[in-house]
Amino acid sequence: MSTHTANAPSPLASALIDDLAQLSAVQRYFNEQIEANKILHGSMFLTSEGVLQIIRNNLEGLQLRPVDVESYDRFNESPTHLKFFRSILRSIVAGYRQSRLITASQ
């Protein structure tokens, strides 16, 4: 018997959403650092080496919540999950494209 209601996400979905939120926070943090570096040096583009250097120089400022590696569950793809992940991926890509359009128009 399931312990979650029809409107509440399953524990697996909740954990996935939390992990995606943490990944998004990491991306925003480093994007801010990269953008600040580009402004500081007056450059529009960075090399991949330049980006890696910025990441290395700013790792200490990144605050992540601890992850319990002992509770890791291997993901087995299920056709029932495919629609959910496709939706998440499309949302992420659409958000990225929109943010790039906004940045490019400024």
PDB file of N, CA and C in Angstrom:
ATOM      1  N   MET A   1       0.835  -1.182   0.000  1.00  0.00           N
ATOM      2  CA  MET A   1       0.000   0.000   0.000  1.00  0.00           C
ATOM      3  C   MET A   1       0.881   1.246   0.000  1.00  0.00           C
ATOM      4  N   SER A   2       0.548   2.201  -0.828  1.00  0.00           N
ATOM      5  CA  SER A   2       1.332   3.429  -0.944  1.00  0.00           C
ATOM      6  C   SER A   2       0.986   4.376   0.199  1.00  0.00           C
ATOM      7  N   THR A   3       2.009   5.104   0.670  1.00  0.00           N
ATOM      8  CA  THR A   3       1.778   6.033   1.779  1.00  0.00           C
ATOM      9  C   THR A   3       1.643   7.469   1.304  1.00  0.00           C
ATOM     10  N   HIS A   4       1.777   7.728   0.001  1.00  0.00           N
ATOM     11  CA  HIS A   4       1.638   9.104  -0.462  1.00  0.00           C
ATOM     12  C   HIS A   4       0.288   9.275  -1.147  1.00  0.00           C
ATOM     13  N   THR A   5      -0.199  10.507  -1.124  1.00  0.00           N
ATOM     14  CA  THR A   5      -1.507  10.790  -1.708  1.00  0.00           C
ATOM     15  C   THR A   5      -1.382  10.938  -3.209  1.00  0.00           C
ATOM     16  N   ALA A   6      -2.518  10.983  -3.876  1.00  0.00           N
ATOM     17  CA  ALA A   6      -2.521  11.086  -5.336  1.00  0.00           C
ATOM     18  C   ALA A   6      -1.885  12.384  -5.818  1.00  0.00           C
ATOM     19  N   ASN A   7      -1.979  13.448  -5.046  1.00  0.00           N
ATOM     20  CA  ASN A   7      -1.432  14.736  -5.452  1.00  0.00           C
ATOM     21  C   ASN A   7       0.023  14.942  -5.038  1.00  0.00           C
ATOM     22  N   ALA A   8       0.499  14.149  -4.113  1.00  0.00           N
ATOM     23  CA  ALA A   8       1.875  14.302  -3.627  1.00  0.00           C
ATOM     24  C   ALA A   8       2.804  13.441  -4.471  1.00  0.00           C
ATOM     25  N   PRO A   9       4.022  13.965  -4.740  1.00  0.00           N
ATOM     26  CA  PRO A   9       4.978  13.158  -5.515  1.00  0.00           C
ATOM     27  C   PRO A   9       5.459  11.969  -4.695  1.00  0.00           C
ATOM     28  N   SER A  10       5.844  10.916  -5.375  1.00  0.00           N
ATOM     29  CA  SER A  10       6.385   9.741  -4.691  1.00  0.00           C
ATOM     30  C   SER A  10       7.727  10.116  -4.060  1.00  0.00           C
ATOM     31  N   PRO A  11       8.188   9.328  -3.108  1.00  0.00           N
ATOM     32  CA  PRO A  11       9.503   9.623  -2.506  1.00  0.00           C
ATOM     33  C   PRO A  11      10.622   9.655  -3.548  1.00  0.00           C
ATOM     34  N   LEU A  12      10.572   8.777  -4.535  1.00  0.00           N
ATOM     35  CA  LEU A  12      11.588   8.767  -5.586  1.00  0.00           C
ATOM     36  C   LEU A  12      11.537  10.062  -6.396  1.00  0.00           C
ATOM     37  N   ALA A  13      10.327  10.494  -6.743  1.00  0.00           N
ATOM     38  CA  ALA A  13      10.184  11.742  -7.495  1.00  0.00           C
ATOM     39  C   ALA A  13      10.644  12.929  -6.658  1.00  0.00           C
ATOM     40  N   SER A  14      10.329  12.927  -5.380  1.00  0.00           N
ATOM     41  CA  SER A  14      10.771  14.015  -4.492  1.00  0.00           C
ATOM     42  C   SER A  14      12.292  14.079  -4.417  1.00  0.00           C
ATOM     43  N   ALA A  15      12.923  12.917  -4.295  1.00  0.00           N
ATOM     44  CA  ALA A  15      14.386  12.877  -4.238  1.00  0.00           C
ATOM     45  C   ALA A  15      14.981  13.370  -5.544  1.00  0.00           C
ATOM     46  N   LEU A  16      14.391  12.985  -6.659  1.00  0.00           N
ATOM     47  CA  LEU A  16      14.882  13.431  -7.966  1.00  0.00           C
ATOM     48  C   LEU A  16      14.733  14.941  -8.109  1.00  0.00           C
ATOM     49  N   ILE A  17      13.606  15.465  -7.691  1.00  0.00           N
ATOM     50  CA  ILE A  17      13.374  16.912  -7.763  1.00  0.00           C
ATOM     51  C   ILE A  17      14.394  17.652  -6.891  1.00  0.00           C
ATOM     52  N   ASP A  18      14.670  17.123  -5.703  1.00  0.00           N
ATOM     53  CA  ASP A  18      15.683  17.736  -4.831  1.00  0.00           C
ATOM     54  C   ASP A  18      17.058  17.720  -5.496  1.00  0.00           C
ATOM     55  N   ASP A  19      17.411  16.594  -6.113  1.00  0.00           N
ATOM     56  CA  ASP A  19      18.709  16.492  -6.780  1.00  0.00           C
ATOM     57  C   ASP A  19      18.796  17.446  -7.963  1.00  0.00           C
ATOM     58  N   LEU A  20      17.730  17.558  -8.738  1.00  0.00           N
ATOM     59  CA  LEU A  20      17.722  18.491  -9.867  1.00  0.00           C
ATOM     60  C   LEU A  20      17.813  19.937  -9.384  1.00  0.00           C
ATOM     61  N   ALA A  21      17.178  20.234  -8.258  1.00  0.00           N
ATOM     62  CA  ALA A  21      17.263  21.584  -7.695  1.00  0.00           C
ATOM     63  C   ALA A  21      18.700  21.886  -7.277  1.00  0.00           C
ATOM     64  N   GLN A  22      19.385  20.894  -6.709  1.00  0.00           N
ATOM     65  CA  GLN A  22      20.779  21.108  -6.312  1.00  0.00           C
ATOM     66  C   GLN A  22      21.659  21.308  -7.541  1.00  0.00           C
ATOM     67  N   LEU A  23      21.433  20.521  -8.592  1.00  0.00           N
ATOM     68  CA  LEU A  23      22.188  20.710  -9.834  1.00  0.00           C
ATOM     69  C   LEU A  23      21.943  22.092 -10.424  1.00  0.00           C
ATOM     70  N   SER A  24      20.714  22.536 -10.363  1.00  0.00           N
ATOM     71  CA  SER A  24      20.378  23.863 -10.869  1.00  0.00           C
ATOM     72  C   SER A  24      21.088  24.948 -10.056  1.00  0.00           C
ATOM     73  N   ALA A  25      21.159  24.766  -8.750  1.00  0.00           N
ATOM     74  CA  ALA A  25      21.852  25.734  -7.894  1.00  0.00           C
ATOM     75  C   ALA A  25      23.340  25.787  -8.231  1.00  0.00           C
ATOM     76  N   VAL A  26      23.943  24.639  -8.499  1.00  0.00           N
ATOM     77  CA  VAL A  26      25.356  24.592  -8.884  1.00  0.00           C
ATOM     78  C   VAL A  26      25.557  25.337 -10.197  1.00  0.00           C
ATOM     79  N   GLN A  27      24.672  25.073 -11.155  1.00  0.00           N
ATOM     80  CA  GLN A  27      24.768  25.727 -12.465  1.00  0.00           C
ATOM     81  C   GLN A  27      24.629  27.242 -12.326  1.00  0.00           C
ATOM     82  N   ARG A  28      23.649  27.697 -11.529  1.00  0.00           N
ATOM     83  CA  ARG A  28      23.471  29.146 -11.332  1.00  0.00           C
ATOM     84  C   ARG A  28      24.690  29.761 -10.665  1.00  0.00           C
ATOM     85  N   TYR A  29      25.243  29.092  -9.654  1.00  0.00           N
ATOM     86  CA  TYR A  29      26.405  29.607  -8.942  1.00  0.00           C
ATOM     87  C   TYR A  29      27.580  29.807  -9.896  1.00  0.00           C
ATOM     88  N   PHE A  30      27.899  28.775 -10.668  1.00  0.00           N
ATOM     89  CA  PHE A  30      29.047  28.892 -11.562  1.00  0.00           C
ATOM     90  C   PHE A  30      28.757  29.822 -12.734  1.00  0.00           C
ATOM     91  N   ASN A  31      27.528  29.882 -13.181  1.00  0.00           N
ATOM     92  CA  ASN A  31      27.198  30.821 -14.259  1.00  0.00           C
ATOM     93  C   ASN A  31      27.425  32.258 -13.787  1.00  0.00           C
ATOM     94  N   GLU A  32      27.042  32.550 -12.543  1.00  0.00           N
ATOM     95  CA  GLU A  32      27.285  33.890 -11.985  1.00  0.00           C
ATOM     96  C   GLU A  32      28.785  34.187 -11.936  1.00  0.00           C
ATOM     97  N   GLN A  33      29.579  33.199 -11.534  1.00  0.00           N
ATOM     98  CA  GLN A  33      31.024  33.395 -11.461  1.00  0.00           C
ATOM     99  C   GLN A  33      31.619  33.628 -12.851  1.00  0.00           C
ATOM    100  N   ILE A  34      31.144  32.860 -13.823  1.00  0.00           N
ATOM    101  CA  ILE A  34      31.648  32.989 -15.197  1.00  0.00           C
ATOM    102  C   ILE A  34      31.256  34.335 -15.780  1.00  0.00           C
ATOM    103  N   GLU A  35      30.011  34.752 -15.582  1.00  0.00           N
ATOM    104  CA  GLU A  35      29.554  36.041 -16.102  1.00  0.00           C
ATOM    105  C   GLU A  35      30.323  37.189 -15.455  1.00  0.00           C
ATOM    106  N   ALA A  36      30.553  37.103 -14.152  1.00  0.00           N
ATOM    107  CA  ALA A  36      31.323  38.149 -13.463  1.00  0.00           C
ATOM    108  C   ALA A  36      32.748  38.222 -14.014  1.00  0.00           C
ATOM    109  N   ASN A  37      33.341  37.072 -14.283  1.00  0.00           N
ATOM    110  CA  ASN A  37      34.686  37.040 -14.838  1.00  0.00           C
ATOM    111  C   ASN A  37      34.715  37.648 -16.234  1.00  0.00           C
ATOM    112  N   LYS A  38      33.705  37.366 -17.037  1.00  0.00           N
ATOM    113  CA  LYS A  38      33.649  37.935 -18.385  1.00  0.00           C
ATOM    114  C   LYS A  38      33.528  39.455 -18.321  1.00  0.00           C
ATOM    115  N   ILE A  39      32.728  39.964 -17.394  1.00  0.00           N
ATOM    116  CA  ILE A  39      32.575  41.407 -17.243  1.00  0.00           C
ATOM    117  C   ILE A  39      33.882  42.022 -16.752  1.00  0.00           C
ATOM    118  N   LEU A  40      34.504  41.379 -15.773  1.00  0.00           N
ATOM    119  CA  LEU A  40      35.754  41.879 -15.206  1.00  0.00           C
ATOM    120  C   LEU A  40      36.845  41.993 -16.260  1.00  0.00           C
ATOM    121  N   HIS A  41      36.914  41.011 -17.143  1.00  0.00           N
ATOM    122  CA  HIS A  41      37.961  40.993 -18.164  1.00  0.00           C
ATOM    123  C   HIS A  41      37.489  41.527 -19.512  1.00  0.00           C
ATOM    124  N   GLY A  42      36.236  41.978 -19.587  1.00  0.00           N
ATOM    125  CA  GLY A  42      35.718  42.570 -20.816  1.00  0.00           C
ATOM    126  C   GLY A  42      35.706  41.630 -22.004  1.00  0.00           C
ATOM    127  N   SER A  43      35.424  40.366 -21.751  1.00  0.00           N
ATOM    128  CA  SER A  43      35.390  39.416 -22.859  1.00  0.00           C
ATOM    129  C   SER A  43      34.000  38.810 -23.002  1.00  0.00           C
ATOM    130  N   MET A  44      33.615  38.536 -24.229  1.00  0.00           N
ATOM    131  CA  MET A  44      32.313  37.929 -24.489  1.00  0.00           C
ATOM    132  C   MET A  44      32.368  36.416 -24.340  1.00  0.00           C
ATOM    133  N   PHE A  45      33.505  35.819 -24.668  1.00  0.00           N
ATOM    134  CA  PHE A  45      33.615  34.373 -24.703  1.00  0.00           C
ATOM    135  C   PHE A  45      34.806  33.917 -23.882  1.00  0.00           C
ATOM    136  N   LEU A  46      34.695  32.710 -23.360  1.00  0.00           N
ATOM    137  CA  LEU A  46      35.789  32.093 -22.616  1.00  0.00           C
ATOM    138  C   LEU A  46      36.141  30.767 -23.267  1.00  0.00           C
ATOM    139  N   THR A  47      37.380  30.389 -23.142  1.00  0.00           N
ATOM    140  CA  THR A  47      37.782  29.063 -23.606  1.00  0.00           C
ATOM    141  C   THR A  47      37.330  28.045 -22.564  1.00  0.00           C
ATOM    142  N   SER A  48      37.326  26.787 -22.941  1.00  0.00           N
ATOM    143  CA  SER A  48      36.966  25.749 -21.973  1.00  0.00           C
ATOM    144  C   SER A  48      37.977  25.729 -20.820  1.00  0.00           C
ATOM    145  N   GLU A  49      39.239  26.029 -21.122  1.00  0.00           N
ATOM    146  CA  GLU A  49      40.249  26.098 -20.062  1.00  0.00           C
ATOM    147  C   GLU A  49      39.948  27.252 -19.101  1.00  0.00           C
ATOM    148  N   GLY A  50      39.483  28.375 -19.661  1.00  0.00           N
ATOM    149  CA  GLY A  50      39.125  29.517 -18.823  1.00  0.00           C
ATOM    150  C   GLY A  50      37.966  29.199 -17.897  1.00  0.00           C
ATOM    151  N   VAL A  51      36.974  28.499 -18.413  1.00  0.00           N
ATOM    152  CA  VAL A  51      35.832  28.099 -17.593  1.00  0.00           C
ATOM    153  C   VAL A  51      36.274  27.154 -16.490  1.00  0.00           C
ATOM    154  N   LEU A  52      37.114  26.176 -16.827  1.00  0.00           N
ATOM    155  CA  LEU A  52      37.607  25.246 -15.808  1.00  0.00           C
ATOM    156  C   LEU A  52      38.405  25.971 -14.731  1.00  0.00           C
ATOM    157  N   GLN A  53      39.184  26.965 -15.121  1.00  0.00           N
ATOM    158  CA  GLN A  53      39.948  27.725 -14.131  1.00  0.00           C
ATOM    159  C   GLN A  53      39.020  28.487 -13.190  1.00  0.00           C
ATOM    160  N   ILE A  54      37.968  29.075 -13.725  1.00  0.00           N
ATOM    161  CA  ILE A  54      36.996  29.784 -12.891  1.00  0.00           C
ATOM    162  C   ILE A  54      36.335  28.809 -11.920  1.00  0.00           C
ATOM    163  N   ILE A  55      35.979  27.633 -12.402  1.00  0.00           N
ATOM    164  CA  ILE A  55      35.362  26.628 -11.530  1.00  0.00           C
ATOM    165  C   ILE A  55      36.333  26.217 -10.435  1.00  0.00           C
ATOM    166  N   ARG A  56      37.566  25.944 -10.795  1.00  0.00           N
ATOM    167  CA  ARG A  56      38.568  25.557  -9.782  1.00  0.00           C
ATOM    168  C   ARG A  56      38.750  26.661  -8.735  1.00  0.00           C
ATOM    169  N   ASN A  57      38.781  27.915  -9.187  1.00  0.00           N
ATOM    170  CA  ASN A  57      39.008  29.032  -8.276  1.00  0.00           C
ATOM    171  C   ASN A  57      37.812  29.321  -7.379  1.00  0.00           C
ATOM    172  N   ASN A  58      36.632  28.836  -7.731  1.00  0.00           N
ATOM    173  CA  ASN A  58      35.427  29.159  -6.973  1.00  0.00           C
ATOM    174  C   ASN A  58      34.781  27.961  -6.301  1.00  0.00           C
ATOM    175  N   LEU A  59      35.447  26.825  -6.283  1.00  0.00           N
ATOM    176  CA  LEU A  59      34.874  25.634  -5.653  1.00  0.00           C
ATOM    177  C   LEU A  59      34.626  25.819  -4.163  1.00  0.00           C
ATOM    178  N   GLU A  60      35.500  26.551  -3.485  1.00  0.00           N
ATOM    179  CA  GLU A  60      35.358  26.718  -2.044  1.00  0.00           C
ATOM    180  C   GLU A  60      34.095  27.488  -1.680  1.00  0.00           C
ATOM    181  N   GLY A  61      33.637  28.377  -2.543  1.00  0.00           N
ATOM    182  CA  GLY A  61      32.439  29.150  -2.257  1.00  0.00           C
ATOM    183  C   GLY A  61      31.147  28.401  -2.521  1.00  0.00           C
ATOM    184  N   LEU A  62      31.249  27.256  -3.160  1.00  0.00           N
ATOM    185  CA  LEU A  62      30.070  26.454  -3.479  1.00  0.00           C
ATOM    186  C   LEU A  62      29.614  25.704  -2.243  1.00  0.00           C
ATOM    187  N   GLN A  63      28.356  25.855  -1.907  1.00  0.00           N
ATOM    188  CA  GLN A  63      27.815  25.189  -0.726  1.00  0.00           C
ATOM    189  C   GLN A  63      26.810  24.130  -1.168  1.00  0.00           C
ATOM    190  N   LEU A  64      27.159  22.889  -0.950  1.00  0.00           N
ATOM    191  CA  LEU A  64      26.275  21.781  -1.290  1.00  0.00           C
ATOM    192  C   LEU A  64      25.808  21.100  -0.022  1.00  0.00           C
ATOM    193  N   ARG A  65      24.623  20.567  -0.089  1.00  0.00           N
ATOM    194  CA  ARG A  65      24.166  19.792   1.063  1.00  0.00           C
ATOM    195  C   ARG A  65      24.742  18.381   0.940  1.00  0.00           C
ATOM    196  N   PRO A  66      25.032  17.746   2.057  1.00  0.00           N
ATOM    197  CA  PRO A  66      25.610  16.401   2.010  1.00  0.00           C
ATOM    198  C   PRO A  66      24.651  15.412   1.341  1.00  0.00           C
ATOM    199  N   VAL A  67      25.223  14.448   0.654  1.00  0.00           N
ATOM    200  CA  VAL A  67      24.438  13.414   0.001  1.00  0.00           C
ATOM    201  C   VAL A  67      24.773  12.086   0.663  1.00  0.00           C
ATOM    202  N   ASP A  68      23.747  11.340   1.009  1.00  0.00           N
ATOM    203  CA  ASP A  68      23.943  10.032   1.614  1.00  0.00           C
ATOM    204  C   ASP A  68      24.165   9.009   0.510  1.00  0.00           C
ATOM    205  N   VAL A  69      25.429   8.665   0.279  1.00  0.00           N
ATOM    206  CA  VAL A  69      25.738   7.740  -0.813  1.00  0.00           C
ATOM    207  C   VAL A  69      25.311   6.312  -0.504  1.00  0.00           C
ATOM    208  N   GLU A  70      25.076   6.011   0.744  1.00  0.00           N
ATOM    209  CA  GLU A  70      24.638   4.671   1.112  1.00  0.00           C
ATOM    210  C   GLU A  70      23.195   4.413   0.684  1.00  0.00           C
ATOM    211  N   SER A  71      22.427   5.468   0.460  1.00  0.00           N
ATOM    212  CA  SER A  71      21.018   5.289   0.092  1.00  0.00           C
ATOM    213  C   SER A  71      20.800   5.348  -1.414  1.00  0.00           C
ATOM    214  N   TYR A  72      21.872   5.241  -2.174  1.00  0.00           N
ATOM    215  CA  TYR A  72      21.785   5.311  -3.626  1.00  0.00           C
ATOM    216  C   TYR A  72      21.000   4.113  -4.167  1.00  0.00           C
ATOM    217  N   ASP A  73      20.045   4.403  -5.019  1.00  0.00           N
ATOM    218  CA  ASP A  73      19.283   3.355  -5.694  1.00  0.00           C
ATOM    219  C   ASP A  73      19.580   3.424  -7.178  1.00  0.00           C
ATOM    220  N   ARG A  74      19.962   2.304  -7.736  1.00  0.00           N
ATOM    221  CA  ARG A  74      20.237   2.255  -9.166  1.00  0.00           C
ATOM    222  C   ARG A  74      18.944   2.534  -9.930  1.00  0.00           C
ATOM    223  N   PHE A  75      19.047   3.373 -10.949  1.00  0.00           N
ATOM    224  CA  PHE A  75      17.876   3.714 -11.759  1.00  0.00           C
ATOM    225  C   PHE A  75      17.714   2.689 -12.865  1.00  0.00           C
ATOM    226  N   ASN A  76      16.562   2.091 -12.922  1.00  0.00           N
ATOM    227  CA  ASN A  76      16.211   1.188 -14.001  1.00  0.00           C
ATOM    228  C   ASN A  76      15.107   1.859 -14.801  1.00  0.00           C
ATOM    229  N   GLU A  77      15.425   2.148 -16.048  1.00  0.00           N
ATOM    230  CA  GLU A  77      14.465   2.864 -16.891  1.00  0.00           C
ATOM    231  C   GLU A  77      13.183   2.058 -17.043  1.00  0.00           C
ATOM    232  N   SER A  78      12.095   2.754 -16.906  1.00  0.00           N
ATOM    233  CA  SER A  78      10.783   2.140 -17.037  1.00  0.00           C
ATOM    234  C   SER A  78       9.979   2.967 -18.035  1.00  0.00           C
ATOM    235  N   PRO A  79       9.242   2.315 -18.907  1.00  0.00           N
ATOM    236  CA  PRO A  79       8.432   3.078 -19.865  1.00  0.00           C
ATOM    237  C   PRO A  79       7.473   4.052 -19.186  1.00  0.00           C
ATOM    238  N   THR A  80       7.053   3.736 -17.982  1.00  0.00           N
ATOM    239  CA  THR A  80       6.140   4.642 -17.278  1.00  0.00           C
ATOM    240  C   THR A  80       6.847   5.917 -16.837  1.00  0.00           C
ATOM    241  N   HIS A  81       8.164   5.860 -16.656  1.00  0.00           N
ATOM    242  CA  HIS A  81       8.927   7.036 -16.242  1.00  0.00           C
ATOM    243  C   HIS A  81       9.372   7.887 -17.424  1.00  0.00           C
ATOM    244  N   LEU A  82       9.365   7.309 -18.616  1.00  0.00           N
ATOM    245  CA  LEU A  82       9.875   7.987 -19.799  1.00  0.00           C
ATOM    246  C   LEU A  82       9.171   9.320 -20.044  1.00  0.00           C
ATOM    247  N   LYS A  83       7.851   9.352 -19.926  1.00  0.00           N
ATOM    248  CA  LYS A  83       7.093  10.585 -20.150  1.00  0.00           C
ATOM    249  C   LYS A  83       7.498  11.664 -19.136  1.00  0.00           C
ATOM    250  N   PHE A  84       7.681  11.271 -17.883  1.00  0.00           N
ATOM    251  CA  PHE A  84       8.064  12.213 -16.834  1.00  0.00           C
ATOM    252  C   PHE A  84       9.435  12.831 -17.132  1.00  0.00           C
ATOM    253  N   PHE A  85      10.429  11.992 -17.449  1.00  0.00           N
ATOM    254  CA  PHE A  85      11.770  12.498 -17.702  1.00  0.00           C
ATOM    255  C   PHE A  85      11.838  13.310 -18.995  1.00  0.00           C
ATOM    256  N   ARG A  86      11.077  12.915 -19.997  1.00  0.00           N
ATOM    257  CA  ARG A  86      11.030  13.683 -21.236  1.00  0.00           C
ATOM    258  C   ARG A  86      10.477  15.082 -20.949  1.00  0.00           C
ATOM    259  N   SER A  87       9.446  15.146 -20.116  1.00  0.00           N
ATOM    260  CA  SER A  87       8.857  16.435 -19.748  1.00  0.00           C
ATOM    261  C   SER A  87       9.856  17.304 -18.996  1.00  0.00           C
ATOM    262  N   ILE A  88      10.566  16.718 -18.053  1.00  0.00           N
ATOM    263  CA  ILE A  88      11.577  17.462 -17.283  1.00  0.00           C
ATOM    264  C   ILE A  88      12.665  17.982 -18.223  1.00  0.00           C
ATOM    265  N   LEU A  89      13.160  17.121 -19.099  1.00  0.00           N
ATOM    266  CA  LEU A  89      14.221  17.514 -20.019  1.00  0.00           C
ATOM    267  C   LEU A  89      13.764  18.629 -20.951  1.00  0.00           C
ATOM    268  N   ARG A  90      12.560  18.522 -21.476  1.00  0.00           N
ATOM    269  CA  ARG A  90      12.041  19.580 -22.346  1.00  0.00           C
ATOM    270  C   ARG A  90      11.916  20.895 -21.594  1.00  0.00           C
ATOM    271  N   SER A  91      11.494  20.840 -20.346  1.00  0.00           N
ATOM    272  CA  SER A  91      11.363  22.046 -19.533  1.00  0.00           C
ATOM    273  C   SER A  91      12.730  22.692 -19.294  1.00  0.00           C
ATOM    274  N   ILE A  92      13.729  21.881 -19.004  1.00  0.00           N
ATOM    275  CA  ILE A  92      15.082  22.395 -18.769  1.00  0.00           C
ATOM    276  C   ILE A  92      15.630  23.043 -20.036  1.00  0.00           C
ATOM    277  N   VAL A  93      15.478  22.368 -21.170  1.00  0.00           N
ATOM    278  CA  VAL A  93      15.986  22.895 -22.437  1.00  0.00           C
ATOM    279  C   VAL A  93      15.255  24.191 -22.801  1.00  0.00           C
ATOM    280  N   ALA A  94      13.944  24.221 -22.627  1.00  0.00           N
ATOM    281  CA  ALA A  94      13.182  25.433 -22.938  1.00  0.00           C
ATOM    282  C   ALA A  94      13.613  26.595 -22.041  1.00  0.00           C
ATOM    283  N   GLY A  95      13.817  26.319 -20.756  1.00  0.00           N
ATOM    284  CA  GLY A  95      14.278  27.357 -19.838  1.00  0.00           C
ATOM    285  C   GLY A  95      15.654  27.872 -20.203  1.00  0.00           C
ATOM    286  N   TYR A  96      16.539  26.967 -20.601  1.00  0.00           N
ATOM    287  CA  TYR A  96      17.886  27.365 -21.016  1.00  0.00           C
ATOM    288  C   TYR A  96      17.820  28.236 -22.256  1.00  0.00           C
ATOM    289  N   ARG A  97      17.055  27.798 -23.242  1.00  0.00           N
ATOM    290  CA  ARG A  97      16.942  28.580 -24.480  1.00  0.00           C
ATOM    291  C   ARG A  97      16.360  29.960 -24.202  1.00  0.00           C
ATOM    292  N   GLN A  98      15.354  30.013 -23.350  1.00  0.00           N
ATOM    293  CA  GLN A  98      14.737  31.310 -23.022  1.00  0.00           C
ATOM    294  C   GLN A  98      15.749  32.214 -22.313  1.00  0.00           C
ATOM    295  N   SER A  99      16.523  31.658 -21.387  1.00  0.00           N
ATOM    296  CA  SER A  99      17.499  32.487 -20.664  1.00  0.00           C
ATOM    297  C   SER A  99      18.584  32.985 -21.620  1.00  0.00           C
ATOM    298  N   ARG A 100      18.979  32.167 -22.589  1.00  0.00           N
ATOM    299  CA  ARG A 100      19.990  32.589 -23.551  1.00  0.00           C
ATOM    300  C   ARG A 100      19.432  33.693 -24.459  1.00  0.00           C
ATOM    301  N   LEU A 101      18.143  33.596 -24.831  1.00  0.00           N
ATOM    302  CA  LEU A 101      17.528  34.644 -25.663  1.00  0.00           C
ATOM    303  C   LEU A 101      17.467  35.960 -24.904  1.00  0.00           C
ATOM    304  N   ILE A 102      17.099  35.890 -23.629  1.00  0.00           N
ATOM    305  CA  ILE A 102      17.016  37.098 -22.813  1.00  0.00           C
ATOM    306  C   ILE A 102      18.403  37.713 -22.653  1.00  0.00           C
ATOM    307  N   THR A 103      19.400  36.877 -22.380  1.00  0.00           N
ATOM    308  CA  THR A 103      20.770  37.369 -22.211  1.00  0.00           C
ATOM    309  C   THR A 103      21.285  37.974 -23.502  1.00  0.00           C
ATOM    310  N   ALA A 104      20.992  37.339 -24.624  1.00  0.00           N
ATOM    311  CA  ALA A 104      21.481  37.829 -25.909  1.00  0.00           C
ATOM    312  C   ALA A 104      20.829  39.154 -26.305  1.00  0.00           C
ATOM    313  N   SER A 105      19.594  39.374 -25.874  1.00  0.00           N
ATOM    314  CA  SER A 105      18.886  40.611 -26.257  1.00  0.00           C
ATOM    315  C   SER A 105      19.265  41.793 -25.368  1.00  0.00           C
ATOM    316  N   GLN A 106      19.985  41.547 -24.294  1.00  0.00           N
ATOM    317  CA  GLN A 106      20.331  42.654 -23.374  1.00  0.00           C
ATOM    318  C   GLN A 106      21.571  43.357 -23.813  1.00  0.00           C
TER     319      GLN A 106
END
